[in-house]
């Protein structure tokens, strides 16, 4: 900049904007750190989610870490509210304990028993769906990231149950035909 004939006003404006954005990001990080130190919350989750994760399975907790990275602050707030009020269903525990080699009847029965619970959650917490649509990277980024994480975190039988529930949700929403294959790795709740 020192060798330019003209005053580098545009370059300085860009640099100033970058510095302001960096300072804002650092201030948010400091606020999160202060909250973590004050409340001694776990450090792997966003502070807003750390206080409401309760007795989650290790896989579900890891999935919350991923959600915390892809959702906007409004999305994290919606997730926090849902988790705070989460009405656990006995089928949730069965899903957590489902062995990878579960038979077809077991998976079909579990998906059928989970579906009303998931529908109730979707109805009670519509912000969970809209927050994913409005996430910083977009809905496709959220879906792709969550699907990748789920494939790493859950066994084949659990993923099959998620697909069955997700397929039924999409059928009810009129987005797929009954003959189409279920969507890959759809986390139902």
N, C-alpha and C. Protein backbone atom coordinates (compact mmCIF):
# COMPACT_ATOMS: atom_id res chain seq x y z
N UNK A 1 0.82 -1.19 0.00
CA UNK A 1 0.00 0.00 0.00
C UNK A 1 0.86 1.26 0.00
N UNK A 2 2.03 1.18 0.59
CA UNK A 2 2.90 2.35 0.68
C UNK A 2 3.44 2.81 -0.65
N UNK A 3 3.47 1.94 -1.67
CA UNK A 3 4.02 2.29 -2.97
C UNK A 3 2.96 2.79 -3.95
N UNK A 4 1.70 2.73 -3.58
CA UNK A 4 0.64 3.16 -4.49
C UNK A 4 0.61 4.67 -4.58
N UNK A 5 0.25 5.15 -5.79
CA UNK A 5 0.16 6.60 -6.02
C UNK A 5 -1.08 7.19 -5.35
N UNK A 6 -2.15 6.40 -5.28
CA UNK A 6 -3.39 6.88 -4.70
C UNK A 6 -3.54 6.36 -3.27
N UNK A 7 -4.35 7.03 -2.50
CA UNK A 7 -4.64 6.59 -1.14
C UNK A 7 -5.43 5.29 -1.22
N UNK A 8 -5.02 4.24 -0.51
CA UNK A 8 -5.67 2.92 -0.63
C UNK A 8 -6.95 2.81 0.22
N UNK A 9 -7.87 3.72 -0.01
CA UNK A 9 -9.08 3.77 0.81
C UNK A 9 -9.88 2.46 0.78
N UNK A 10 -10.10 1.88 -0.39
CA UNK A 10 -10.89 0.64 -0.49
C UNK A 10 -10.21 -0.50 0.25
N UNK A 11 -8.91 -0.64 0.07
CA UNK A 11 -8.17 -1.71 0.76
C UNK A 11 -8.25 -1.53 2.27
N UNK A 12 -8.19 -0.29 2.74
CA UNK A 12 -8.27 -0.03 4.17
C UNK A 12 -9.68 -0.33 4.69
N UNK A 13 -10.70 -0.04 3.90
CA UNK A 13 -12.07 -0.35 4.31
C UNK A 13 -12.28 -1.86 4.43
N UNK A 14 -11.74 -2.61 3.48
CA UNK A 14 -11.84 -4.07 3.52
C UNK A 14 -11.12 -4.61 4.75
N UNK A 15 -9.92 -4.12 4.99
CA UNK A 15 -9.15 -4.55 6.16
C UNK A 15 -9.90 -4.21 7.45
N UNK A 16 -10.48 -3.02 7.53
CA UNK A 16 -11.23 -2.62 8.70
C UNK A 16 -12.42 -3.55 8.93
N UNK A 17 -13.14 -3.89 7.88
CA UNK A 17 -14.30 -4.80 8.00
C UNK A 17 -13.86 -6.18 8.47
N UNK A 18 -12.74 -6.67 7.95
CA UNK A 18 -12.22 -7.97 8.36
C UNK A 18 -11.82 -7.95 9.83
N UNK A 19 -11.19 -6.88 10.26
CA UNK A 19 -10.78 -6.76 11.67
C UNK A 19 -12.01 -6.68 12.58
N UNK A 20 -13.03 -5.94 12.17
CA UNK A 20 -14.25 -5.83 12.96
C UNK A 20 -14.92 -7.20 13.10
N UNK A 21 -14.98 -7.97 12.02
CA UNK A 21 -15.58 -9.30 12.06
C UNK A 21 -14.78 -10.22 12.97
N UNK A 22 -13.47 -10.14 12.89
CA UNK A 22 -12.61 -10.96 13.75
C UNK A 22 -12.80 -10.59 15.22
N UNK A 23 -12.89 -9.30 15.50
CA UNK A 23 -13.10 -8.86 16.88
C UNK A 23 -14.46 -9.34 17.40
N UNK A 24 -15.50 -9.28 16.58
CA UNK A 24 -16.83 -9.76 16.99
C UNK A 24 -16.77 -11.25 17.30
N UNK A 25 -16.11 -12.01 16.42
CA UNK A 25 -16.00 -13.46 16.63
C UNK A 25 -15.25 -13.75 17.92
N UNK A 26 -14.16 -13.05 18.16
CA UNK A 26 -13.39 -13.26 19.39
C UNK A 26 -14.18 -12.88 20.63
N UNK A 27 -15.00 -11.83 20.54
CA UNK A 27 -15.83 -11.45 21.69
C UNK A 27 -16.88 -12.52 21.98
N UNK A 28 -17.46 -13.11 20.93
CA UNK A 28 -18.43 -14.20 21.14
C UNK A 28 -17.75 -15.40 21.79
N UNK A 29 -16.54 -15.72 21.34
CA UNK A 29 -15.80 -16.84 21.91
C UNK A 29 -15.50 -16.57 23.39
N UNK A 30 -15.09 -15.36 23.70
CA UNK A 30 -14.81 -15.01 25.10
C UNK A 30 -16.06 -15.13 25.95
N UNK A 31 -17.20 -14.71 25.42
CA UNK A 31 -18.46 -14.82 26.17
C UNK A 31 -18.80 -16.30 26.43
N UNK A 32 -18.59 -17.16 25.42
CA UNK A 32 -18.83 -18.59 25.61
C UNK A 32 -17.89 -19.17 26.65
N UNK A 33 -16.61 -18.78 26.58
CA UNK A 33 -15.63 -19.26 27.56
C UNK A 33 -16.02 -18.84 28.98
N UNK A 34 -16.45 -17.60 29.13
CA UNK A 34 -16.85 -17.11 30.45
C UNK A 34 -18.03 -17.93 30.98
N UNK A 35 -18.99 -18.24 30.11
CA UNK A 35 -20.14 -19.04 30.53
C UNK A 35 -19.70 -20.44 30.92
N UNK A 36 -18.80 -21.04 30.15
CA UNK A 36 -18.32 -22.38 30.48
C UNK A 36 -17.57 -22.39 31.81
N UNK A 37 -16.73 -21.38 32.03
CA UNK A 37 -15.97 -21.33 33.28
C UNK A 37 -16.90 -21.09 34.47
N UNK A 38 -17.88 -20.23 34.28
CA UNK A 38 -18.80 -19.89 35.36
C UNK A 38 -19.69 -21.07 35.75
N UNK A 39 -20.22 -21.76 34.76
CA UNK A 39 -21.18 -22.83 35.04
C UNK A 39 -20.56 -24.21 35.04
N UNK A 40 -19.29 -24.31 34.68
CA UNK A 40 -18.58 -25.58 34.59
C UNK A 40 -19.32 -26.59 33.71
N UNK A 41 -19.81 -26.10 32.59
CA UNK A 41 -20.50 -26.94 31.63
C UNK A 41 -19.48 -27.72 30.80
N UNK A 42 -19.90 -28.83 30.20
CA UNK A 42 -19.00 -29.57 29.31
C UNK A 42 -18.55 -28.68 28.16
N UNK A 43 -17.34 -28.86 27.71
CA UNK A 43 -16.78 -27.98 26.68
C UNK A 43 -16.99 -28.48 25.26
N UNK A 44 -17.51 -29.68 25.08
CA UNK A 44 -17.68 -30.19 23.72
C UNK A 44 -18.96 -29.68 23.06
N UNK A 45 -19.89 -29.18 23.85
CA UNK A 45 -21.16 -28.70 23.32
C UNK A 45 -21.25 -27.18 23.43
N UNK A 46 -22.04 -26.55 22.56
CA UNK A 46 -22.31 -25.13 22.76
C UNK A 46 -22.94 -24.96 24.15
N UNK A 47 -22.59 -23.91 24.86
CA UNK A 47 -23.11 -23.74 26.22
C UNK A 47 -24.63 -23.83 26.32
N UNK A 48 -25.33 -23.37 25.29
CA UNK A 48 -26.80 -23.41 25.30
C UNK A 48 -27.33 -24.85 25.34
N UNK A 49 -26.58 -25.78 24.76
CA UNK A 49 -27.02 -27.17 24.72
C UNK A 49 -26.47 -28.00 25.87
N UNK A 50 -25.32 -27.60 26.40
CA UNK A 50 -24.64 -28.39 27.42
C UNK A 50 -25.50 -28.60 28.66
N UNK A 51 -26.30 -27.63 29.01
CA UNK A 51 -27.09 -27.74 30.24
C UNK A 51 -28.35 -28.58 30.07
N UNK A 52 -28.68 -28.99 28.85
CA UNK A 52 -29.94 -29.72 28.63
C UNK A 52 -29.76 -31.09 27.99
N UNK A 53 -28.53 -31.58 27.90
CA UNK A 53 -28.32 -32.87 27.23
C UNK A 53 -28.63 -34.06 28.11
N UNK A 54 -28.65 -33.89 29.43
CA UNK A 54 -29.10 -34.93 30.35
C UNK A 54 -28.49 -36.29 30.14
N UNK A 55 -29.35 -37.31 30.08
CA UNK A 55 -28.92 -38.70 29.99
C UNK A 55 -28.82 -39.21 28.55
N UNK A 56 -28.37 -38.41 27.66
CA UNK A 56 -28.28 -38.83 26.27
C UNK A 56 -27.25 -39.94 26.10
N UNK A 57 -27.50 -40.77 25.10
CA UNK A 57 -26.50 -41.77 24.74
C UNK A 57 -25.27 -41.04 24.20
N UNK A 58 -24.17 -41.72 24.18
CA UNK A 58 -22.94 -41.13 23.66
C UNK A 58 -23.12 -40.70 22.20
N UNK A 59 -23.83 -41.50 21.42
CA UNK A 59 -24.07 -41.16 20.01
C UNK A 59 -24.94 -39.93 19.87
N UNK A 60 -26.02 -39.86 20.66
CA UNK A 60 -26.90 -38.70 20.59
C UNK A 60 -26.17 -37.43 21.01
N UNK A 61 -25.35 -37.54 22.03
CA UNK A 61 -24.59 -36.38 22.51
C UNK A 61 -23.61 -35.91 21.42
N UNK A 62 -22.95 -36.85 20.78
CA UNK A 62 -22.03 -36.48 19.69
C UNK A 62 -22.80 -35.83 18.55
N UNK A 63 -24.01 -36.30 18.29
CA UNK A 63 -24.83 -35.68 17.24
C UNK A 63 -25.18 -34.24 17.61
N UNK A 64 -25.43 -33.98 18.90
CA UNK A 64 -25.71 -32.62 19.36
C UNK A 64 -24.50 -31.71 19.13
N UNK A 65 -23.30 -32.26 19.25
CA UNK A 65 -22.09 -31.48 18.96
C UNK A 65 -22.11 -31.04 17.50
N UNK A 66 -22.47 -31.96 16.62
CA UNK A 66 -22.52 -31.65 15.19
C UNK A 66 -23.61 -30.61 14.92
N UNK A 67 -24.80 -30.81 15.48
CA UNK A 67 -25.87 -29.82 15.32
C UNK A 67 -25.40 -28.44 15.80
N UNK A 68 -24.68 -28.43 16.90
CA UNK A 68 -24.18 -27.16 17.44
C UNK A 68 -23.23 -26.45 16.50
N UNK A 69 -22.63 -27.18 15.59
CA UNK A 69 -21.69 -26.58 14.64
C UNK A 69 -22.36 -26.10 13.36
N UNK A 70 -23.52 -26.67 13.02
CA UNK A 70 -24.14 -26.33 11.74
C UNK A 70 -25.37 -25.44 11.85
N UNK A 71 -25.97 -25.37 13.03
CA UNK A 71 -27.17 -24.55 13.18
C UNK A 71 -26.80 -23.10 13.53
N UNK A 72 -27.68 -22.19 13.22
CA UNK A 72 -27.52 -20.79 13.62
C UNK A 72 -27.81 -20.69 15.12
N UNK A 73 -27.60 -19.52 15.69
CA UNK A 73 -27.91 -19.35 17.11
C UNK A 73 -29.41 -19.57 17.36
N UNK A 74 -30.26 -19.17 16.41
CA UNK A 74 -31.70 -19.42 16.56
C UNK A 74 -31.98 -20.92 16.51
N UNK A 75 -31.27 -21.64 15.67
CA UNK A 75 -31.43 -23.09 15.59
C UNK A 75 -30.98 -23.78 16.87
N UNK A 76 -29.88 -23.30 17.44
CA UNK A 76 -29.40 -23.86 18.70
C UNK A 76 -30.41 -23.58 19.81
N UNK A 77 -31.00 -22.39 19.80
CA UNK A 77 -32.04 -22.06 20.79
C UNK A 77 -33.25 -22.99 20.64
N UNK A 78 -33.65 -23.25 19.40
CA UNK A 78 -34.78 -24.16 19.16
C UNK A 78 -34.44 -25.57 19.65
N UNK A 79 -33.20 -26.00 19.38
CA UNK A 79 -32.75 -27.32 19.83
C UNK A 79 -32.74 -27.37 21.36
N UNK A 80 -32.25 -26.31 21.99
CA UNK A 80 -32.20 -26.25 23.46
C UNK A 80 -33.60 -26.38 24.05
N UNK A 81 -34.54 -25.64 23.49
CA UNK A 81 -35.92 -25.68 24.00
C UNK A 81 -36.51 -27.08 23.86
N UNK A 82 -36.28 -27.70 22.72
CA UNK A 82 -36.80 -29.04 22.50
C UNK A 82 -36.16 -30.02 23.48
N UNK A 83 -34.85 -29.94 23.66
CA UNK A 83 -34.16 -30.85 24.57
C UNK A 83 -34.57 -30.62 26.03
N UNK A 84 -34.79 -29.36 26.38
CA UNK A 84 -35.19 -29.02 27.75
C UNK A 84 -36.52 -29.69 28.10
N UNK A 85 -37.45 -29.69 27.15
CA UNK A 85 -38.78 -30.23 27.38
C UNK A 85 -38.95 -31.65 26.85
N UNK A 86 -37.86 -32.24 26.34
CA UNK A 86 -37.94 -33.50 25.60
C UNK A 86 -38.68 -34.59 26.36
N UNK A 87 -39.78 -35.04 25.81
CA UNK A 87 -40.54 -36.11 26.45
C UNK A 87 -40.00 -37.47 26.02
N UNK A 88 -39.08 -38.02 26.79
CA UNK A 88 -38.48 -39.29 26.40
C UNK A 88 -39.53 -40.38 26.31
N UNK A 89 -39.39 -41.22 25.31
CA UNK A 89 -40.30 -42.31 25.06
C UNK A 89 -39.53 -43.62 25.31
N UNK A 90 -40.20 -44.66 25.78
CA UNK A 90 -39.49 -45.94 25.98
C UNK A 90 -38.81 -46.44 24.71
N UNK A 91 -39.37 -46.11 23.56
CA UNK A 91 -38.76 -46.55 22.30
C UNK A 91 -37.40 -45.89 22.07
N UNK A 92 -37.16 -44.71 22.67
CA UNK A 92 -35.85 -44.06 22.56
C UNK A 92 -34.76 -44.95 23.15
N UNK A 93 -35.04 -45.51 24.31
CA UNK A 93 -34.07 -46.39 24.98
C UNK A 93 -33.84 -47.64 24.13
N UNK A 94 -34.92 -48.18 23.60
CA UNK A 94 -34.79 -49.36 22.73
C UNK A 94 -33.94 -49.05 21.51
N UNK A 95 -34.12 -47.87 20.95
CA UNK A 95 -33.33 -47.47 19.79
C UNK A 95 -31.86 -47.36 20.17
N UNK A 96 -31.57 -46.76 21.32
CA UNK A 96 -30.19 -46.65 21.77
C UNK A 96 -29.53 -48.01 21.96
N UNK A 97 -30.32 -49.00 22.38
CA UNK A 97 -29.78 -50.33 22.67
C UNK A 97 -29.95 -51.32 21.53
N UNK A 98 -30.49 -50.89 20.40
CA UNK A 98 -30.76 -51.78 19.27
C UNK A 98 -29.45 -52.34 18.71
N UNK A 99 -29.32 -53.66 18.67
CA UNK A 99 -28.08 -54.23 18.13
C UNK A 99 -28.03 -54.09 16.60
N UNK A 100 -26.84 -54.05 16.08
CA UNK A 100 -26.64 -53.86 14.64
C UNK A 100 -27.29 -54.96 13.81
N UNK A 101 -27.42 -56.15 14.40
CA UNK A 101 -27.98 -57.27 13.65
C UNK A 101 -29.46 -57.52 13.95
N UNK A 102 -30.17 -56.50 14.39
CA UNK A 102 -31.60 -56.65 14.69
C UNK A 102 -32.35 -57.13 13.46
N UNK A 103 -33.35 -57.97 13.67
CA UNK A 103 -34.10 -58.52 12.54
C UNK A 103 -35.11 -57.50 12.00
N UNK A 104 -35.66 -57.81 10.84
CA UNK A 104 -36.59 -56.90 10.15
C UNK A 104 -37.82 -56.58 10.99
N UNK A 105 -38.40 -57.58 11.62
CA UNK A 105 -39.60 -57.35 12.43
C UNK A 105 -39.32 -56.39 13.57
N UNK A 106 -38.18 -56.54 14.22
CA UNK A 106 -37.81 -55.66 15.34
C UNK A 106 -37.64 -54.23 14.85
N UNK A 107 -36.95 -54.05 13.72
CA UNK A 107 -36.73 -52.70 13.18
C UNK A 107 -38.05 -52.07 12.74
N UNK A 108 -38.90 -52.85 12.07
CA UNK A 108 -40.19 -52.33 11.61
C UNK A 108 -41.07 -51.94 12.80
N UNK A 109 -41.11 -52.79 13.83
CA UNK A 109 -41.91 -52.52 15.02
C UNK A 109 -41.40 -51.27 15.75
N UNK A 110 -40.10 -51.16 15.91
CA UNK A 110 -39.54 -50.01 16.60
C UNK A 110 -39.81 -48.72 15.83
N UNK A 111 -39.67 -48.75 14.53
CA UNK A 111 -39.96 -47.56 13.71
C UNK A 111 -41.43 -47.16 13.85
N UNK A 112 -42.31 -48.15 13.86
CA UNK A 112 -43.75 -47.86 13.99
C UNK A 112 -44.07 -47.26 15.37
N UNK A 113 -43.36 -47.69 16.40
CA UNK A 113 -43.60 -47.14 17.74
C UNK A 113 -42.93 -45.78 17.93
N UNK A 114 -41.86 -45.52 17.20
CA UNK A 114 -41.19 -44.21 17.29
C UNK A 114 -41.93 -43.13 16.51
N UNK A 115 -42.58 -43.49 15.44
CA UNK A 115 -43.22 -42.51 14.57
C UNK A 115 -44.18 -41.56 15.30
N UNK A 116 -45.12 -42.03 16.11
CA UNK A 116 -46.02 -41.08 16.80
C UNK A 116 -45.25 -40.11 17.71
N UNK A 117 -44.22 -40.61 18.35
CA UNK A 117 -43.38 -39.77 19.22
C UNK A 117 -42.69 -38.68 18.39
N UNK A 118 -42.14 -39.04 17.26
CA UNK A 118 -41.45 -38.08 16.40
C UNK A 118 -42.45 -37.08 15.83
N UNK A 119 -43.62 -37.53 15.43
CA UNK A 119 -44.65 -36.62 14.92
C UNK A 119 -45.05 -35.60 15.98
N UNK A 120 -45.17 -36.07 17.22
CA UNK A 120 -45.52 -35.19 18.33
C UNK A 120 -44.42 -34.13 18.53
N UNK A 121 -43.16 -34.54 18.45
CA UNK A 121 -42.05 -33.60 18.61
C UNK A 121 -42.05 -32.59 17.47
N UNK A 122 -42.23 -33.06 16.24
CA UNK A 122 -42.26 -32.14 15.09
C UNK A 122 -43.39 -31.13 15.23
N UNK A 123 -44.54 -31.59 15.74
CA UNK A 123 -45.67 -30.70 15.91
C UNK A 123 -45.43 -29.68 17.02
N UNK A 124 -44.84 -30.14 18.11
CA UNK A 124 -44.62 -29.27 19.27
C UNK A 124 -43.45 -28.29 19.06
N UNK A 125 -42.50 -28.65 18.20
CA UNK A 125 -41.29 -27.83 18.02
C UNK A 125 -41.03 -27.56 16.53
N UNK A 126 -41.93 -26.84 15.87
CA UNK A 126 -41.73 -26.58 14.43
C UNK A 126 -40.47 -25.75 14.14
N UNK A 127 -40.00 -25.00 15.14
CA UNK A 127 -38.78 -24.21 14.95
C UNK A 127 -37.56 -25.09 14.67
N UNK A 128 -37.62 -26.34 15.11
CA UNK A 128 -36.51 -27.26 14.83
C UNK A 128 -36.36 -27.48 13.33
N UNK A 129 -37.46 -27.56 12.64
CA UNK A 129 -37.42 -27.78 11.18
C UNK A 129 -37.03 -26.47 10.47
N UNK A 130 -37.70 -25.38 10.82
CA UNK A 130 -37.41 -24.12 10.13
C UNK A 130 -35.99 -23.64 10.41
N UNK A 131 -35.45 -23.94 11.59
CA UNK A 131 -34.08 -23.50 11.90
C UNK A 131 -33.07 -24.22 11.02
N UNK A 132 -33.37 -25.45 10.64
CA UNK A 132 -32.46 -26.16 9.74
C UNK A 132 -32.52 -25.57 8.34
N UNK A 133 -33.71 -25.11 7.94
CA UNK A 133 -33.85 -24.49 6.63
C UNK A 133 -33.11 -23.15 6.56
N UNK A 134 -32.99 -22.47 7.71
CA UNK A 134 -32.36 -21.15 7.76
C UNK A 134 -30.93 -21.19 8.30
N UNK A 135 -30.34 -22.36 8.39
CA UNK A 135 -28.98 -22.50 8.92
C UNK A 135 -27.98 -21.78 8.01
N UNK A 136 -26.86 -21.34 8.56
CA UNK A 136 -25.87 -20.58 7.78
C UNK A 136 -25.44 -21.25 6.48
N UNK A 137 -25.22 -22.55 6.49
CA UNK A 137 -24.80 -23.23 5.27
C UNK A 137 -25.96 -23.70 4.42
N UNK A 138 -27.18 -23.49 4.88
CA UNK A 138 -28.36 -23.92 4.16
C UNK A 138 -28.81 -25.31 4.59
N UNK A 139 -30.02 -25.64 4.23
CA UNK A 139 -30.63 -26.90 4.63
C UNK A 139 -29.88 -28.11 4.07
N UNK A 140 -29.38 -28.00 2.85
CA UNK A 140 -28.65 -29.12 2.26
C UNK A 140 -27.35 -29.39 3.01
N UNK A 141 -26.68 -28.33 3.43
CA UNK A 141 -25.45 -28.49 4.21
C UNK A 141 -25.75 -29.17 5.55
N UNK A 142 -26.81 -28.72 6.22
CA UNK A 142 -27.19 -29.33 7.50
C UNK A 142 -27.51 -30.80 7.28
N UNK A 143 -28.36 -31.10 6.31
CA UNK A 143 -28.76 -32.49 6.06
C UNK A 143 -27.56 -33.36 5.72
N UNK A 144 -26.69 -32.88 4.85
CA UNK A 144 -25.51 -33.66 4.47
C UNK A 144 -24.58 -33.90 5.64
N UNK A 145 -24.34 -32.87 6.43
CA UNK A 145 -23.46 -33.00 7.58
C UNK A 145 -24.04 -33.95 8.62
N UNK A 146 -25.32 -33.80 8.90
CA UNK A 146 -25.97 -34.66 9.89
C UNK A 146 -26.00 -36.11 9.40
N UNK A 147 -26.28 -36.31 8.13
CA UNK A 147 -26.29 -37.68 7.59
C UNK A 147 -24.92 -38.34 7.71
N UNK A 148 -23.87 -37.59 7.39
CA UNK A 148 -22.50 -38.13 7.53
C UNK A 148 -22.22 -38.49 8.99
N UNK A 149 -22.58 -37.60 9.89
CA UNK A 149 -22.34 -37.86 11.32
C UNK A 149 -23.13 -39.09 11.78
N UNK A 150 -24.38 -39.18 11.36
CA UNK A 150 -25.20 -40.30 11.79
C UNK A 150 -24.63 -41.63 11.32
N UNK A 151 -24.13 -41.64 10.10
CA UNK A 151 -23.54 -42.87 9.57
C UNK A 151 -22.32 -43.30 10.37
N UNK A 152 -21.64 -42.36 11.01
CA UNK A 152 -20.51 -42.68 11.86
C UNK A 152 -20.93 -43.04 13.28
N UNK A 153 -22.04 -42.50 13.75
CA UNK A 153 -22.42 -42.61 15.16
C UNK A 153 -23.38 -43.77 15.48
N UNK A 154 -24.16 -44.20 14.50
CA UNK A 154 -25.19 -45.19 14.77
C UNK A 154 -24.92 -46.46 13.97
N UNK A 155 -25.39 -47.58 14.50
CA UNK A 155 -25.17 -48.85 13.80
C UNK A 155 -26.19 -49.02 12.66
N UNK A 156 -26.01 -50.07 11.88
CA UNK A 156 -26.83 -50.29 10.68
C UNK A 156 -28.31 -50.43 11.01
N UNK A 157 -28.64 -51.12 12.09
CA UNK A 157 -30.06 -51.30 12.44
C UNK A 157 -30.68 -49.97 12.89
N UNK A 158 -29.94 -49.19 13.67
CA UNK A 158 -30.45 -47.89 14.10
C UNK A 158 -30.68 -46.99 12.88
N UNK A 159 -29.72 -46.98 11.96
CA UNK A 159 -29.88 -46.18 10.74
C UNK A 159 -31.10 -46.63 9.94
N UNK A 160 -31.33 -47.94 9.91
CA UNK A 160 -32.49 -48.45 9.20
C UNK A 160 -33.79 -47.94 9.84
N UNK A 161 -33.84 -47.91 11.16
CA UNK A 161 -35.02 -47.39 11.86
C UNK A 161 -35.20 -45.91 11.54
N UNK A 162 -34.10 -45.14 11.57
CA UNK A 162 -34.18 -43.72 11.22
C UNK A 162 -34.70 -43.54 9.80
N UNK A 163 -34.23 -44.37 8.86
CA UNK A 163 -34.69 -44.27 7.47
C UNK A 163 -36.19 -44.56 7.37
N UNK A 164 -36.63 -45.58 8.07
CA UNK A 164 -38.05 -45.95 8.03
C UNK A 164 -38.92 -44.80 8.56
N UNK A 165 -38.52 -44.23 9.69
CA UNK A 165 -39.28 -43.12 10.27
C UNK A 165 -39.21 -41.91 9.34
N UNK A 166 -38.02 -41.59 8.85
CA UNK A 166 -37.87 -40.46 7.93
C UNK A 166 -38.67 -40.65 6.66
N UNK A 167 -38.69 -41.86 6.13
CA UNK A 167 -39.46 -42.15 4.93
C UNK A 167 -40.95 -41.93 5.19
N UNK A 168 -41.43 -42.38 6.35
CA UNK A 168 -42.84 -42.20 6.69
C UNK A 168 -43.18 -40.72 6.87
N UNK A 169 -42.27 -39.96 7.48
CA UNK A 169 -42.49 -38.52 7.64
C UNK A 169 -42.61 -37.84 6.27
N UNK A 170 -41.73 -38.20 5.36
CA UNK A 170 -41.77 -37.61 4.03
C UNK A 170 -43.02 -38.03 3.26
N UNK A 171 -43.42 -39.29 3.41
CA UNK A 171 -44.66 -39.74 2.76
C UNK A 171 -45.85 -38.94 3.27
N UNK A 172 -45.91 -38.74 4.56
CA UNK A 172 -47.02 -37.98 5.15
C UNK A 172 -47.00 -36.52 4.71
N UNK A 173 -45.82 -36.01 4.44
CA UNK A 173 -45.71 -34.63 3.97
C UNK A 173 -45.94 -34.55 2.46
N UNK A 174 -46.14 -35.71 1.81
CA UNK A 174 -46.40 -35.75 0.38
C UNK A 174 -45.17 -35.49 -0.47
N UNK A 175 -43.98 -35.69 0.10
CA UNK A 175 -42.76 -35.38 -0.63
C UNK A 175 -42.19 -36.57 -1.38
N UNK A 176 -42.61 -37.80 -1.04
CA UNK A 176 -42.14 -38.96 -1.78
C UNK A 176 -43.30 -39.91 -1.99
N UNK A 177 -43.16 -40.79 -2.96
CA UNK A 177 -44.15 -41.82 -3.21
C UNK A 177 -43.83 -43.02 -2.34
N UNK A 178 -44.85 -43.80 -2.03
CA UNK A 178 -44.68 -44.97 -1.17
C UNK A 178 -43.67 -45.96 -1.74
N UNK A 179 -43.50 -46.00 -3.06
CA UNK A 179 -42.59 -46.96 -3.67
C UNK A 179 -41.14 -46.53 -3.70
N UNK A 180 -40.84 -45.31 -3.36
CA UNK A 180 -39.45 -44.83 -3.41
C UNK A 180 -38.65 -45.36 -2.23
N UNK A 181 -37.33 -45.51 -2.42
CA UNK A 181 -36.51 -45.95 -1.30
C UNK A 181 -36.45 -44.88 -0.22
N UNK A 182 -36.24 -45.28 1.03
CA UNK A 182 -36.18 -44.29 2.11
C UNK A 182 -34.97 -43.39 1.99
N UNK A 183 -35.06 -42.18 2.50
CA UNK A 183 -33.93 -41.27 2.44
C UNK A 183 -32.78 -41.79 3.29
N UNK A 184 -31.56 -41.51 2.87
CA UNK A 184 -30.39 -42.02 3.57
C UNK A 184 -30.17 -41.29 4.89
N UNK A 185 -29.97 -42.06 5.94
CA UNK A 185 -29.54 -41.55 7.25
C UNK A 185 -30.36 -40.44 7.83
N UNK A 186 -31.65 -40.44 7.66
CA UNK A 186 -32.49 -39.35 8.19
C UNK A 186 -32.69 -39.52 9.68
N UNK A 187 -32.22 -38.57 10.46
CA UNK A 187 -32.45 -38.59 11.91
C UNK A 187 -33.85 -38.06 12.12
N UNK A 188 -34.71 -38.87 12.68
CA UNK A 188 -36.12 -38.53 12.79
C UNK A 188 -36.41 -37.46 13.81
N UNK A 189 -35.66 -37.41 14.92
CA UNK A 189 -36.04 -36.44 15.94
C UNK A 189 -34.99 -35.41 16.18
